[in-house]
Amino acid sequence: MIENNIKIDRFRMKGFTLVELLIAVLLAAVVTSAAMGIYIAQHKQLIVQDEVTDMQANIRAAAVELTSKIRMAGYNVPEMVPSLEGKDTNPDTIVVTYDGGGLEDVTIEHEMPLPSAELRCDGHDISGLHDNDWVYIWDPIVETGEFFLVSHVQVAACHIQHNTMPLSRCYPEGSQLLMLNQFKYYIDNSDPDHPNLVCWTPQTGPQVFAENITDLNFKYVLASGAVVDVFPNEDMVREVLITIDARTDKRDLEFHTDYRTRGFDTRVKVRNLGS
């Protein structure tokens, strides 16, 4: 009886066979591999979602910026100063100009003896002007003008100095001073892997506004209802149709194209052009 119990205990104490261990390891490997596959797929999906979210944010920012600036084109801009310029360059380029305020009916009251001479605006209110502001001077006689940087404002004397930036010529009495805002938008493709929407201003020069914007397209609705790529006269423009294309920052090798892309179309009415 005792001998039988010993045999039974020895039988119960036996471990797994090699085959059983191999089967267990195989099953564990299959489960682990499946879990890792699910994790990797979900991780890739999260990365793609982040890329798509960033792309959508860039395209929305570009659309809001362009819409807000185009809507202001021509506000309080002197006649013959271009308020809206469009170039059908694929990607297209657009330049928008409008008055930012700060100076009202301010003209120089004495002809400049030298291009570097101070601007004398006797009798005008220039309190809205400050050092390091950018100002546009416009000669209504020859219908030309330019931007310059103000170095010092003498409010009491009504004098404006621009010591760091002489003008290109001497402007006559009656030339108008305006605090114009000018924005030029175009696509910078200097790095093919990272095309960017650039905003250029006289104050800052070119600055990246939105990344991975691949294409800009502008069409113009004229007063006649015609839709054109290039308008003959800005006063004929009633609406600007905008198309913006964007792509993800990184390539997606598992997608059917190198990059995931999105397009956005909108239109904006111009308030200050034409009648």
Protein backbone atom coordinates (compact mmCIF):
# COMPACT_ATOMS: atom_id res chain seq x y z
CA MET A 1 0.00 0.00 0.00
CA ILE A 2 2.77 2.35 0.89
CA GLU A 3 4.63 1.49 -2.30
CA ASN A 4 1.54 2.31 -4.40
CA ASN A 5 1.17 5.70 -2.70
CA ILE A 6 4.79 6.51 -3.47
CA LYS A 7 4.24 5.64 -7.14
CA ILE A 8 1.15 7.85 -7.28
CA ASP A 9 2.94 10.79 -5.67
CA ARG A 10 5.81 10.42 -8.10
CA PHE A 11 3.33 10.42 -10.96
CA ARG A 12 1.63 13.55 -9.64
CA MET A 13 4.98 15.30 -9.28
CA LYS A 14 5.83 14.85 -12.94
CA GLY A 15 6.28 18.21 -14.88
CA PHE A 16 5.21 19.22 -18.39
CA THR A 17 6.56 17.35 -21.31
CA LEU A 18 8.77 19.07 -23.87
CA VAL A 19 5.95 19.01 -26.41
CA GLU A 20 3.59 20.68 -23.96
CA LEU A 21 6.19 23.38 -23.24
CA LEU A 22 6.72 24.01 -26.94
CA ILE A 23 2.99 24.30 -27.50
CA ALA A 24 2.71 26.75 -24.59
CA VAL A 25 5.60 28.84 -25.92
CA LEU A 26 4.07 28.84 -29.39
CA LEU A 27 0.70 29.94 -28.09
CA ALA A 28 2.32 32.69 -26.00
CA ALA A 29 4.27 33.86 -29.05
CA VAL A 30 1.11 33.95 -31.16
CA VAL A 31 -0.77 35.95 -28.50
CA THR A 32 2.18 38.33 -27.98
CA SER A 33 2.63 38.78 -31.71
CA ALA A 34 -1.08 39.56 -32.14
CA ALA A 35 -0.99 42.03 -29.25
CA MET A 36 2.12 43.72 -30.66
CA GLY A 37 0.51 43.88 -34.08
CA ILE A 38 -2.56 45.58 -32.64
CA TYR A 39 -0.37 48.00 -30.64
CA ILE A 40 1.78 48.89 -33.65
CA ALA A 41 -1.29 49.40 -35.86
CA GLN A 42 -2.94 51.62 -33.24
CA HIS A 43 0.30 53.55 -32.71
CA LYS A 44 0.64 54.17 -36.44
CA GLN A 45 -2.98 55.25 -36.59
CA LEU A 46 -2.44 57.73 -33.76
CA ILE A 47 0.59 59.18 -35.55
CA VAL A 48 -1.43 59.52 -38.76
CA GLN A 49 -4.27 61.18 -36.85
CA ASP A 50 -1.84 63.68 -35.33
CA GLU A 51 -0.44 64.42 -38.78
CA VAL A 52 -3.92 64.89 -40.25
CA THR A 53 -4.95 67.12 -37.33
CA ASP A 54 -1.89 69.33 -37.83
CA MET A 55 -2.58 69.49 -41.56
CA GLN A 56 -6.19 70.53 -40.99
CA ALA A 57 -5.10 73.17 -38.46
CA ASN A 58 -2.62 74.61 -40.99
CA ILE A 59 -5.21 74.77 -43.75
CA ARG A 60 -7.78 76.41 -41.45
CA ALA A 61 -5.25 79.00 -40.29
CA ALA A 62 -4.33 79.79 -43.89
CA ALA A 63 -7.99 80.14 -44.89
CA VAL A 64 -8.83 82.46 -41.97
CA GLU A 65 -5.77 84.62 -42.61
CA LEU A 66 -6.38 85.01 -46.33
CA THR A 67 -10.10 85.64 -45.90
CA SER A 68 -9.66 88.33 -43.26
CA LYS A 69 -6.99 90.20 -45.21
CA ILE A 70 -8.69 90.03 -48.63
CA ARG A 71 -11.92 91.32 -47.11
CA MET A 72 -10.07 94.51 -46.06
CA ALA A 73 -8.41 95.14 -49.45
CA GLY A 74 -8.68 98.76 -50.54
CA TYR A 75 -9.90 100.26 -47.26
CA ASN A 76 -8.94 103.97 -47.23
CA VAL A 77 -6.26 103.46 -49.88
CA PRO A 78 -5.55 106.44 -52.18
CA GLU A 79 -6.75 106.17 -55.73
CA MET A 80 -4.12 104.65 -58.02
CA VAL A 81 -2.37 102.83 -55.13
CA PRO A 82 -2.87 99.11 -55.92
CA SER A 83 -5.13 97.52 -53.32
CA LEU A 84 -5.32 94.02 -54.77
CA GLU A 85 -2.70 92.39 -56.98
CA GLY A 86 -2.96 88.84 -58.23
CA LYS A 87 -0.43 86.77 -60.14
CA ASP A 88 -1.40 83.54 -61.86
CA THR A 89 1.91 81.82 -61.09
CA ASN A 90 0.82 78.27 -60.07
CA PRO A 91 0.91 78.42 -57.08
CA ASP A 92 -0.71 81.83 -57.29
CA THR A 93 0.41 84.97 -55.48
CA ILE A 94 -1.78 87.71 -54.02
CA VAL A 95 -0.92 91.14 -52.56
CA VAL A 96 -3.44 92.95 -50.35
CA THR A 97 -3.16 96.57 -49.20
CA TYR A 98 -5.38 98.56 -46.83
CA ASP A 99 -5.09 101.43 -44.35
CA GLY A 100 -4.26 100.38 -40.81
CA GLY A 101 -5.27 103.73 -39.30
CA GLY A 102 -3.25 106.13 -37.15
CA LEU A 103 -2.95 108.98 -39.64
CA GLU A 104 -5.90 110.91 -41.03
CA ASP A 105 -5.52 113.36 -43.92
CA VAL A 106 -1.85 113.96 -43.12
CA THR A 107 0.26 115.53 -45.87
CA ILE A 108 3.69 117.11 -45.94
CA GLU A 109 3.50 120.90 -46.17
CA HIS A 110 7.03 121.52 -47.49
CA GLU A 111 8.86 119.94 -50.40
CA MET A 112 11.75 117.71 -49.33
CA PRO A 113 15.15 119.25 -50.20
CA LEU A 114 16.85 115.84 -49.95
CA PRO A 115 15.61 112.21 -49.92
CA SER A 116 16.94 111.95 -46.34
CA ALA A 117 15.27 115.18 -45.15
CA GLU A 118 12.65 115.11 -42.41
CA LEU A 119 9.00 115.32 -43.38
CA ARG A 120 7.33 118.52 -42.22
CA CYS A 121 3.60 118.05 -41.63
CA ASP A 122 2.85 121.47 -40.11
CA GLY A 123 -0.66 121.74 -38.70
CA HIS A 124 -1.46 118.03 -38.90
CA ASP A 125 -2.14 115.59 -36.08
CA ILE A 126 0.61 112.95 -36.08
CA SER A 127 0.06 111.80 -32.49
CA GLY A 128 -0.99 108.38 -33.80
CA LEU A 129 2.49 107.84 -35.20
CA HIS A 130 5.36 106.36 -33.17
CA ASP A 131 9.05 105.66 -33.54
CA ASN A 132 9.74 102.50 -35.60
CA ASP A 133 6.36 102.61 -37.32
CA TRP A 134 6.22 101.93 -41.04
CA VAL A 135 4.58 104.63 -43.17
CA TYR A 136 3.65 104.86 -46.83
CA ILE A 137 4.25 108.16 -48.62
CA TRP A 138 2.21 108.79 -51.77
CA ASP A 139 2.80 111.45 -54.41
CA PRO A 140 -0.57 112.12 -56.10
CA ILE A 141 1.05 114.10 -58.91
CA VAL A 142 3.15 111.33 -60.40
CA GLU A 143 1.06 108.62 -58.70
CA THR A 144 3.85 106.72 -57.01
CA GLY A 145 4.92 105.99 -53.45
CA GLU A 146 6.96 103.80 -51.12
CA PHE A 147 7.21 102.48 -47.59
CA PHE A 148 9.75 103.83 -45.10
CA LEU A 149 10.67 103.32 -41.44
CA VAL A 150 10.08 106.21 -39.03
CA SER A 151 13.11 106.79 -36.80
CA HIS A 152 11.70 109.64 -34.68
CA VAL A 153 8.40 111.49 -34.35
CA GLN A 154 8.27 115.12 -33.12
CA VAL A 155 4.57 115.43 -32.35
CA ALA A 156 4.63 119.07 -31.20
CA ALA A 157 6.63 120.25 -34.21
CA CYS A 158 4.76 117.90 -36.60
CA HIS A 159 8.04 116.60 -38.00
CA ILE A 160 8.84 113.00 -38.97
CA GLN A 161 12.40 111.75 -39.30
CA HIS A 162 13.59 108.66 -41.16
CA ASN A 163 17.33 108.73 -40.60
CA THR A 164 17.86 105.00 -41.12
CA MET A 165 15.98 104.86 -44.41
CA PRO A 166 16.30 107.69 -46.95
CA LEU A 167 13.51 107.79 -49.51
CA SER A 168 14.16 107.02 -53.16
CA ARG A 169 13.52 110.63 -54.16
CA CYS A 170 12.37 114.01 -52.87
CA TYR A 171 8.60 114.18 -52.40
CA PRO A 172 6.72 117.43 -53.08
CA GLU A 173 4.37 119.41 -50.88
CA GLY A 174 0.96 117.72 -50.67
CA SER A 175 2.31 114.17 -50.66
CA GLN A 176 0.12 112.03 -48.44
CA LEU A 177 1.24 109.90 -45.48
CA LEU A 178 -0.60 106.69 -44.66
CA MET A 179 -0.06 103.80 -42.28
CA LEU A 180 -0.83 101.19 -44.92
CA ASN A 181 -0.78 97.49 -44.22
CA GLN A 182 0.49 95.42 -47.10
CA PHE A 183 0.54 91.61 -47.18
CA LYS A 184 1.90 89.37 -49.90
CA TYR A 185 1.05 85.65 -49.78
CA TYR A 186 2.79 82.95 -51.77
CA ILE A 187 4.09 79.37 -51.50
CA ASP A 188 7.78 78.88 -50.73
CA ASN A 189 8.93 75.67 -52.42
CA SER A 190 12.63 76.14 -51.73
CA ASP A 191 12.47 72.96 -49.61
CA PRO A 192 10.41 70.47 -51.67
CA ASP A 193 9.79 68.33 -48.59
CA HIS A 194 8.30 71.23 -46.65
CA PRO A 195 6.37 73.75 -48.80
CA ASN A 196 5.09 76.64 -46.72
CA LEU A 197 2.62 79.50 -47.03
CA VAL A 198 4.67 82.68 -46.62
CA CYS A 199 3.40 86.12 -45.62
CA TRP A 200 5.61 89.03 -46.68
CA THR A 201 5.22 92.54 -45.29
CA PRO A 202 7.48 95.62 -45.62
CA GLN A 203 7.91 95.54 -41.83
CA THR A 204 8.95 91.92 -41.35
CA GLY A 205 9.95 90.58 -44.74
CA PRO A 206 9.00 86.96 -45.54
CA GLN A 207 7.65 84.92 -42.61
CA VAL A 208 6.28 81.37 -42.66
CA PHE A 209 2.59 81.56 -41.79
CA ALA A 210 1.41 77.96 -42.33
CA GLU A 211 3.47 74.84 -42.95
CA ASN A 212 2.98 72.13 -45.57
CA ILE A 213 0.68 74.20 -47.79
CA THR A 214 1.31 72.84 -51.26
CA ASP A 215 -0.86 74.98 -53.50
CA LEU A 216 -2.74 78.27 -53.65
CA ASN A 217 -5.23 79.15 -56.33
CA PHE A 218 -7.18 82.39 -56.67
CA LYS A 219 -9.98 83.16 -59.08
CA TYR A 220 -11.76 86.49 -59.28
CA VAL A 221 -15.46 87.13 -59.78
CA LEU A 222 -15.94 90.37 -61.70
CA ALA A 223 -18.89 92.76 -61.59
CA SER A 224 -20.10 91.20 -64.85
CA GLY A 225 -20.25 87.77 -63.19
CA ALA A 226 -17.28 86.45 -65.17
CA VAL A 227 -14.72 84.35 -63.28
CA VAL A 228 -11.12 84.98 -64.30
CA ASP A 229 -7.60 83.98 -63.25
CA VAL A 230 -6.25 87.49 -63.83
CA PHE A 231 -8.41 90.59 -63.42
CA PRO A 232 -7.96 93.58 -65.77
CA ASN A 233 -8.80 96.16 -63.09
CA GLU A 234 -9.11 95.72 -59.33
CA ASP A 235 -12.24 97.91 -59.22
CA MET A 236 -14.03 95.22 -61.27
CA VAL A 237 -13.44 92.52 -58.63
CA ARG A 238 -16.40 91.60 -56.40
CA GLU A 239 -15.33 88.25 -54.94
CA VAL A 240 -12.16 86.20 -54.58
CA LEU A 241 -12.43 82.41 -54.81
CA ILE A 242 -9.70 80.69 -52.78
CA THR A 243 -8.46 77.11 -53.05
CA ILE A 244 -5.86 75.84 -50.59
CA ASP A 245 -4.16 72.44 -50.72
CA ALA A 246 -2.17 70.99 -47.83
CA ARG A 247 -0.41 67.74 -46.99
CA THR A 248 0.92 65.95 -43.94
CA ASP A 249 4.40 66.74 -42.71
CA LYS A 250 5.69 63.16 -43.01
CA ARG A 251 5.28 60.57 -45.75
CA ASP A 252 2.86 57.70 -45.19
CA LEU A 253 4.41 54.70 -46.91
CA GLU A 254 1.33 52.57 -46.32
CA PHE A 255 -1.00 55.06 -48.01
CA HIS A 256 -1.72 54.96 -51.74
CA THR A 257 0.12 58.28 -52.16
CA ASP A 258 3.29 59.51 -50.46
CA TYR A 259 1.37 62.04 -48.37
CA ARG A 260 -2.14 62.39 -47.09
CA THR A 261 -3.67 65.56 -48.49
CA ARG A 262 -6.61 67.87 -47.93
CA GLY A 263 -8.14 70.65 -50.00
CA PHE A 264 -10.23 73.61 -48.89
CA ASP A 265 -12.35 76.02 -50.95
CA THR A 266 -13.87 79.28 -49.81
CA ARG A 267 -14.90 82.63 -51.22
CA VAL A 268 -14.75 86.14 -49.85
CA LYS A 269 -16.47 89.33 -50.91
CA VAL A 270 -14.32 92.43 -51.18
CA ARG A 271 -15.92 95.37 -49.41
CA ASN A 272 -13.88 98.32 -50.57
CA LEU A 273 -13.28 97.79 -54.27
CA GLY A 274 -15.52 99.16 -57.00
CA SER A 275 -18.87 100.77 -56.38
